[in-house]
Amino acid sequence: HMACSCVCTVLAVKPFSGCYPACCDCLRKLRELHTAAPEQKRLWCRRCWLEFSAREVDYRYCVALTVTDHYSCATVVLFGQPLEFLFGLPATQLHRYTYLECYISLIP
């Protein structure tokens, strides 16, 4: 592996997708299987062909930034643990919290 670093300025944060359900094997985004009942939601990995219950998956951060080093611009995509430090909690906890908040706001 080769490592490099540079100082840059963040110009924009791409529309926040935030976090996604991740395969425990390869960390790729899981896809939804179409099931009859929403409470039995199932997800699967296109790469590993593993299947998961929506309740048992972990989530992973993914944030895209537009940055500049004052000579050129680039899009940088950050995944996983560096963002846990920035947000102060794991993506799975953030997802569960926001899901619960949305659910509670629907209750009259």
N, C-alpha and C. Protein backbone atom coordinates (compact mmCIF):
# COMPACT_ATOMS: atom_id res chain seq x y z
N HIS A 1 0.83 -1.19 0.00
CA HIS A 1 0.00 0.00 0.00
C HIS A 1 0.87 1.24 0.00
N MET A 2 0.38 2.24 -0.69
CA MET A 2 1.08 3.51 -0.71
C MET A 2 0.25 4.54 0.03
N ALA A 3 0.85 5.33 0.86
CA ALA A 3 0.13 6.35 1.61
C ALA A 3 0.65 7.72 1.23
N CYS A 4 -0.26 8.66 1.15
CA CYS A 4 0.13 10.04 0.90
C CYS A 4 -0.84 10.95 1.65
N SER A 5 -0.44 12.16 1.83
CA SER A 5 -1.33 13.11 2.51
C SER A 5 -1.17 14.47 1.87
N CYS A 6 -2.22 15.27 1.99
CA CYS A 6 -2.16 16.64 1.51
C CYS A 6 -3.11 17.48 2.35
N VAL A 7 -2.86 18.76 2.37
CA VAL A 7 -3.73 19.68 3.06
C VAL A 7 -4.72 20.21 2.03
N CYS A 8 -6.00 20.14 2.36
CA CYS A 8 -7.00 20.60 1.41
C CYS A 8 -8.13 21.30 2.15
N THR A 9 -8.94 22.00 1.40
CA THR A 9 -10.09 22.70 1.93
C THR A 9 -11.34 22.03 1.40
N VAL A 10 -12.31 21.77 2.28
CA VAL A 10 -13.58 21.17 1.85
C VAL A 10 -14.44 22.28 1.28
N LEU A 11 -14.83 22.12 0.02
CA LEU A 11 -15.71 23.09 -0.65
C LEU A 11 -17.18 22.73 -0.48
N ALA A 12 -17.46 21.44 -0.47
CA ALA A 12 -18.86 21.00 -0.39
C ALA A 12 -18.93 19.57 0.10
N VAL A 13 -20.02 19.28 0.76
CA VAL A 13 -20.36 17.90 1.13
C VAL A 13 -21.46 17.50 0.19
N LYS A 14 -21.25 16.43 -0.54
CA LYS A 14 -22.27 15.95 -1.48
C LYS A 14 -23.53 15.61 -0.70
N PRO A 15 -24.68 15.60 -1.35
CA PRO A 15 -25.92 15.27 -0.63
C PRO A 15 -25.69 14.05 0.26
N PHE A 16 -26.03 14.21 1.52
CA PHE A 16 -25.66 13.25 2.56
C PHE A 16 -26.42 11.95 2.42
N SER A 17 -25.74 10.92 1.99
CA SER A 17 -26.34 9.60 2.00
C SER A 17 -26.10 8.98 3.37
N GLY A 18 -25.07 9.46 4.05
CA GLY A 18 -24.83 9.10 5.43
C GLY A 18 -24.27 7.74 5.65
N CYS A 19 -25.14 6.76 5.71
CA CYS A 19 -24.67 5.42 5.99
C CYS A 19 -25.50 4.42 5.20
N TYR A 20 -24.93 3.26 5.04
CA TYR A 20 -25.59 2.21 4.25
C TYR A 20 -25.44 0.87 4.96
N PRO A 21 -26.39 -0.05 4.73
CA PRO A 21 -26.23 -1.39 5.29
C PRO A 21 -25.09 -2.10 4.57
N ALA A 22 -24.15 -2.64 5.34
CA ALA A 22 -22.94 -3.22 4.76
C ALA A 22 -22.84 -4.72 4.99
N CYS A 23 -22.30 -5.40 3.99
CA CYS A 23 -22.02 -6.83 4.11
C CYS A 23 -20.93 -7.02 5.16
N CYS A 24 -21.11 -7.98 6.04
CA CYS A 24 -20.11 -8.22 7.09
C CYS A 24 -18.84 -8.85 6.52
N ASP A 25 -18.91 -9.39 5.31
CA ASP A 25 -17.77 -10.03 4.68
C ASP A 25 -16.91 -9.06 3.87
N CYS A 26 -17.56 -8.32 2.94
CA CYS A 26 -16.81 -7.48 2.01
C CYS A 26 -17.06 -5.98 2.18
N LEU A 27 -17.98 -5.59 3.07
CA LEU A 27 -18.32 -4.21 3.38
C LEU A 27 -19.04 -3.46 2.26
N ARG A 28 -19.46 -4.16 1.22
CA ARG A 28 -20.22 -3.52 0.15
C ARG A 28 -21.65 -3.28 0.58
N LYS A 29 -22.30 -2.35 -0.13
CA LYS A 29 -23.68 -2.01 0.19
C LYS A 29 -24.60 -3.20 -0.10
N LEU A 30 -25.48 -3.48 0.86
CA LEU A 30 -26.45 -4.56 0.69
C LEU A 30 -27.66 -4.07 -0.08
N ARG A 31 -28.26 -4.94 -0.84
CA ARG A 31 -29.46 -4.65 -1.62
C ARG A 31 -30.66 -5.29 -0.94
N GLU A 32 -31.80 -4.65 -1.13
CA GLU A 32 -33.03 -5.15 -0.50
C GLU A 32 -33.65 -6.27 -1.34
N LEU A 33 -34.03 -7.34 -0.65
CA LEU A 33 -34.80 -8.41 -1.29
C LEU A 33 -36.27 -8.04 -1.14
N HIS A 34 -37.05 -8.27 -2.15
CA HIS A 34 -38.47 -7.94 -2.07
C HIS A 34 -39.21 -9.08 -1.38
N THR A 35 -39.63 -8.80 -0.15
CA THR A 35 -40.37 -9.79 0.64
C THR A 35 -41.79 -9.30 0.84
N ALA A 36 -42.65 -10.19 1.24
CA ALA A 36 -44.07 -9.85 1.41
C ALA A 36 -44.30 -8.91 2.59
N ALA A 37 -43.63 -9.13 3.69
CA ALA A 37 -43.89 -8.35 4.90
C ALA A 37 -42.71 -7.42 5.22
N PRO A 38 -42.98 -6.12 5.41
CA PRO A 38 -41.88 -5.18 5.71
C PRO A 38 -41.12 -5.53 7.00
N GLU A 39 -41.79 -6.10 7.97
CA GLU A 39 -41.12 -6.45 9.23
C GLU A 39 -40.16 -7.62 9.07
N GLN A 40 -40.23 -8.31 7.93
CA GLN A 40 -39.33 -9.42 7.65
C GLN A 40 -38.31 -9.05 6.56
N LYS A 41 -38.01 -7.77 6.47
CA LYS A 41 -37.12 -7.25 5.44
C LYS A 41 -35.79 -8.00 5.42
N ARG A 42 -35.38 -8.39 4.22
CA ARG A 42 -34.13 -9.13 4.02
C ARG A 42 -33.24 -8.34 3.07
N LEU A 43 -31.94 -8.44 3.30
CA LEU A 43 -30.95 -7.77 2.45
C LEU A 43 -29.95 -8.81 1.96
N TRP A 44 -29.33 -8.54 0.81
CA TRP A 44 -28.35 -9.49 0.27
C TRP A 44 -27.19 -8.75 -0.37
N CYS A 45 -26.05 -9.43 -0.42
CA CYS A 45 -24.84 -8.89 -1.01
C CYS A 45 -24.68 -9.43 -2.42
N ARG A 46 -24.54 -8.53 -3.38
CA ARG A 46 -24.36 -8.94 -4.79
C ARG A 46 -23.03 -9.63 -5.03
N ARG A 47 -22.05 -9.30 -4.21
CA ARG A 47 -20.72 -9.88 -4.41
C ARG A 47 -20.60 -11.25 -3.73
N CYS A 48 -21.00 -11.33 -2.47
CA CYS A 48 -20.82 -12.56 -1.68
C CYS A 48 -22.02 -13.50 -1.75
N TRP A 49 -23.14 -12.99 -2.19
CA TRP A 49 -24.40 -13.75 -2.24
C TRP A 49 -24.87 -14.16 -0.85
N LEU A 50 -24.47 -13.41 0.17
CA LEU A 50 -24.94 -13.67 1.53
C LEU A 50 -26.25 -12.92 1.74
N GLU A 51 -27.10 -13.48 2.58
CA GLU A 51 -28.40 -12.87 2.88
C GLU A 51 -28.49 -12.58 4.37
N PHE A 52 -29.11 -11.44 4.71
CA PHE A 52 -29.20 -10.99 6.09
C PHE A 52 -30.59 -10.50 6.41
N SER A 53 -30.97 -10.62 7.67
CA SER A 53 -32.17 -9.97 8.17
C SER A 53 -31.82 -8.49 8.34
N ALA A 54 -32.74 -7.59 8.02
CA ALA A 54 -32.47 -6.15 8.15
C ALA A 54 -32.11 -5.78 9.59
N ARG A 55 -32.59 -6.53 10.55
CA ARG A 55 -32.30 -6.23 11.97
C ARG A 55 -30.89 -6.61 12.39
N GLU A 56 -30.23 -7.48 11.64
CA GLU A 56 -28.92 -7.96 12.07
C GLU A 56 -27.74 -7.30 11.36
N VAL A 57 -27.99 -6.41 10.42
CA VAL A 57 -26.88 -5.82 9.67
C VAL A 57 -26.27 -4.63 10.39
N ASP A 58 -25.01 -4.40 10.10
CA ASP A 58 -24.33 -3.20 10.58
C ASP A 58 -24.28 -2.19 9.45
N TYR A 59 -24.24 -0.93 9.82
CA TYR A 59 -24.19 0.14 8.83
C TYR A 59 -22.80 0.74 8.79
N ARG A 60 -22.49 1.36 7.67
CA ARG A 60 -21.17 1.94 7.46
C ARG A 60 -21.34 3.34 6.89
N TYR A 61 -20.51 4.27 7.35
CA TYR A 61 -20.56 5.63 6.84
C TYR A 61 -19.99 5.72 5.43
N CYS A 62 -20.54 6.65 4.66
CA CYS A 62 -20.03 6.98 3.33
C CYS A 62 -20.39 8.45 3.05
N VAL A 63 -19.37 9.30 2.99
CA VAL A 63 -19.60 10.71 2.73
C VAL A 63 -18.66 11.16 1.62
N ALA A 64 -19.22 11.84 0.62
CA ALA A 64 -18.43 12.35 -0.50
C ALA A 64 -18.22 13.86 -0.31
N LEU A 65 -16.98 14.29 -0.47
CA LEU A 65 -16.62 15.70 -0.30
C LEU A 65 -15.99 16.22 -1.58
N THR A 66 -16.24 17.47 -1.90
CA THR A 66 -15.49 18.16 -2.95
C THR A 66 -14.43 18.97 -2.23
N VAL A 67 -13.17 18.74 -2.59
CA VAL A 67 -12.06 19.39 -1.91
C VAL A 67 -11.15 20.09 -2.92
N THR A 68 -10.36 21.04 -2.42
CA THR A 68 -9.37 21.71 -3.26
C THR A 68 -8.07 21.87 -2.49
N ASP A 69 -6.97 21.82 -3.22
CA ASP A 69 -5.66 22.12 -2.63
C ASP A 69 -5.17 23.46 -3.16
N HIS A 70 -6.08 24.26 -3.68
CA HIS A 70 -5.87 25.58 -4.26
C HIS A 70 -5.22 25.52 -5.65
N TYR A 71 -5.04 24.31 -6.17
CA TYR A 71 -4.56 24.15 -7.55
C TYR A 71 -5.60 23.42 -8.39
N SER A 72 -6.29 22.49 -7.77
CA SER A 72 -7.31 21.73 -8.49
C SER A 72 -8.36 21.23 -7.50
N CYS A 73 -9.47 20.76 -8.03
CA CYS A 73 -10.56 20.21 -7.22
C CYS A 73 -10.67 18.72 -7.44
N ALA A 74 -11.18 18.04 -6.43
CA ALA A 74 -11.39 16.59 -6.55
C ALA A 74 -12.53 16.18 -5.64
N THR A 75 -13.12 15.05 -5.96
CA THR A 75 -14.12 14.45 -5.08
C THR A 75 -13.43 13.35 -4.29
N VAL A 76 -13.59 13.40 -2.98
CA VAL A 76 -13.00 12.41 -2.09
C VAL A 76 -14.15 11.72 -1.36
N VAL A 77 -14.12 10.40 -1.33
CA VAL A 77 -15.16 9.65 -0.63
C VAL A 77 -14.53 9.01 0.61
N LEU A 78 -15.15 9.29 1.75
CA LEU A 78 -14.66 8.74 3.02
C LEU A 78 -15.60 7.63 3.48
N PHE A 79 -15.03 6.55 3.97
CA PHE A 79 -15.80 5.42 4.47
C PHE A 79 -15.37 5.08 5.89
N GLY A 80 -16.31 4.50 6.65
CA GLY A 80 -16.00 3.82 7.89
C GLY A 80 -15.48 4.62 9.05
N GLN A 81 -14.45 4.08 9.71
CA GLN A 81 -13.98 4.55 11.01
C GLN A 81 -13.57 6.02 11.09
N PRO A 82 -12.92 6.60 10.09
CA PRO A 82 -12.60 8.03 10.23
C PRO A 82 -13.85 8.88 10.46
N LEU A 83 -14.97 8.47 9.89
CA LEU A 83 -16.21 9.20 10.07
C LEU A 83 -16.85 8.92 11.43
N GLU A 84 -16.59 7.74 11.99
CA GLU A 84 -17.07 7.45 13.35
C GLU A 84 -16.47 8.45 14.33
N PHE A 85 -15.20 8.76 14.14
CA PHE A 85 -14.54 9.74 14.99
C PHE A 85 -15.20 11.11 14.80
N LEU A 86 -15.48 11.49 13.55
CA LEU A 86 -16.07 12.78 13.25
C LEU A 86 -17.48 12.92 13.81
N PHE A 87 -18.32 11.88 13.64
CA PHE A 87 -19.71 11.94 14.10
C PHE A 87 -19.86 11.56 15.57
N GLY A 88 -18.87 10.90 16.14
CA GLY A 88 -18.91 10.58 17.56
C GLY A 88 -19.63 9.30 17.91
N LEU A 89 -20.08 8.53 16.92
CA LEU A 89 -20.70 7.24 17.19
C LEU A 89 -20.68 6.39 15.92
N PRO A 90 -20.76 5.06 16.08
CA PRO A 90 -20.77 4.17 14.92
C PRO A 90 -21.99 4.41 14.04
N ALA A 91 -21.87 4.13 12.76
CA ALA A 91 -22.94 4.34 11.79
C ALA A 91 -24.20 3.55 12.15
N THR A 92 -24.05 2.35 12.69
CA THR A 92 -25.21 1.53 13.07
C THR A 92 -26.03 2.25 14.14
N GLN A 93 -25.35 2.82 15.12
CA GLN A 93 -26.07 3.56 16.17
C GLN A 93 -26.77 4.79 15.61
N LEU A 94 -26.10 5.53 14.73
CA LEU A 94 -26.71 6.71 14.12
C LEU A 94 -27.93 6.31 13.30
N HIS A 95 -27.81 5.25 12.54
CA HIS A 95 -28.94 4.78 11.72
C HIS A 95 -30.13 4.41 12.61
N ARG A 96 -29.88 3.64 13.66
CA ARG A 96 -30.96 3.21 14.55
C ARG A 96 -31.60 4.41 15.24
N TYR A 97 -30.79 5.38 15.64
CA TYR A 97 -31.31 6.57 16.29
C TYR A 97 -32.20 7.36 15.33
N THR A 98 -31.72 7.62 14.12
CA THR A 98 -32.51 8.40 13.16
C THR A 98 -33.76 7.65 12.73
N TYR A 99 -33.66 6.34 12.59
CA TYR A 99 -34.83 5.52 12.23
C TYR A 99 -35.88 5.61 13.34
N LEU A 100 -35.43 5.51 14.59
CA LEU A 100 -36.35 5.59 15.73
C LEU A 100 -36.98 6.98 15.82
N GLU A 101 -36.18 8.02 15.59
CA GLU A 101 -36.72 9.39 15.63
C GLU A 101 -37.78 9.59 14.55
N CYS A 102 -37.53 9.07 13.35
CA CYS A 102 -38.52 9.18 12.25
C CYS A 102 -39.79 8.42 12.62
N TYR A 103 -39.64 7.24 13.20
CA TYR A 103 -40.78 6.41 13.57
C TYR A 103 -41.62 7.11 14.65
N ILE A 104 -40.95 7.66 15.67
CA ILE A 104 -41.64 8.34 16.76
C ILE A 104 -42.37 9.58 16.25
N SER A 105 -41.78 10.30 15.28
CA SER A 105 -42.41 11.50 14.76
C SER A 105 -43.70 11.19 13.99
N LEU A 106 -43.87 9.95 13.56
CA LEU A 106 -45.08 9.56 12.84
C LEU A 106 -46.24 9.23 13.78
N ILE A 107 -45.95 9.03 15.05
CA ILE A 107 -46.98 8.67 16.03
C ILE A 107 -47.72 9.95 16.43
N PRO A 108 -49.07 9.94 16.31
CA PRO A 108 -49.83 11.16 16.65
C PRO A 108 -49.81 11.49 18.13
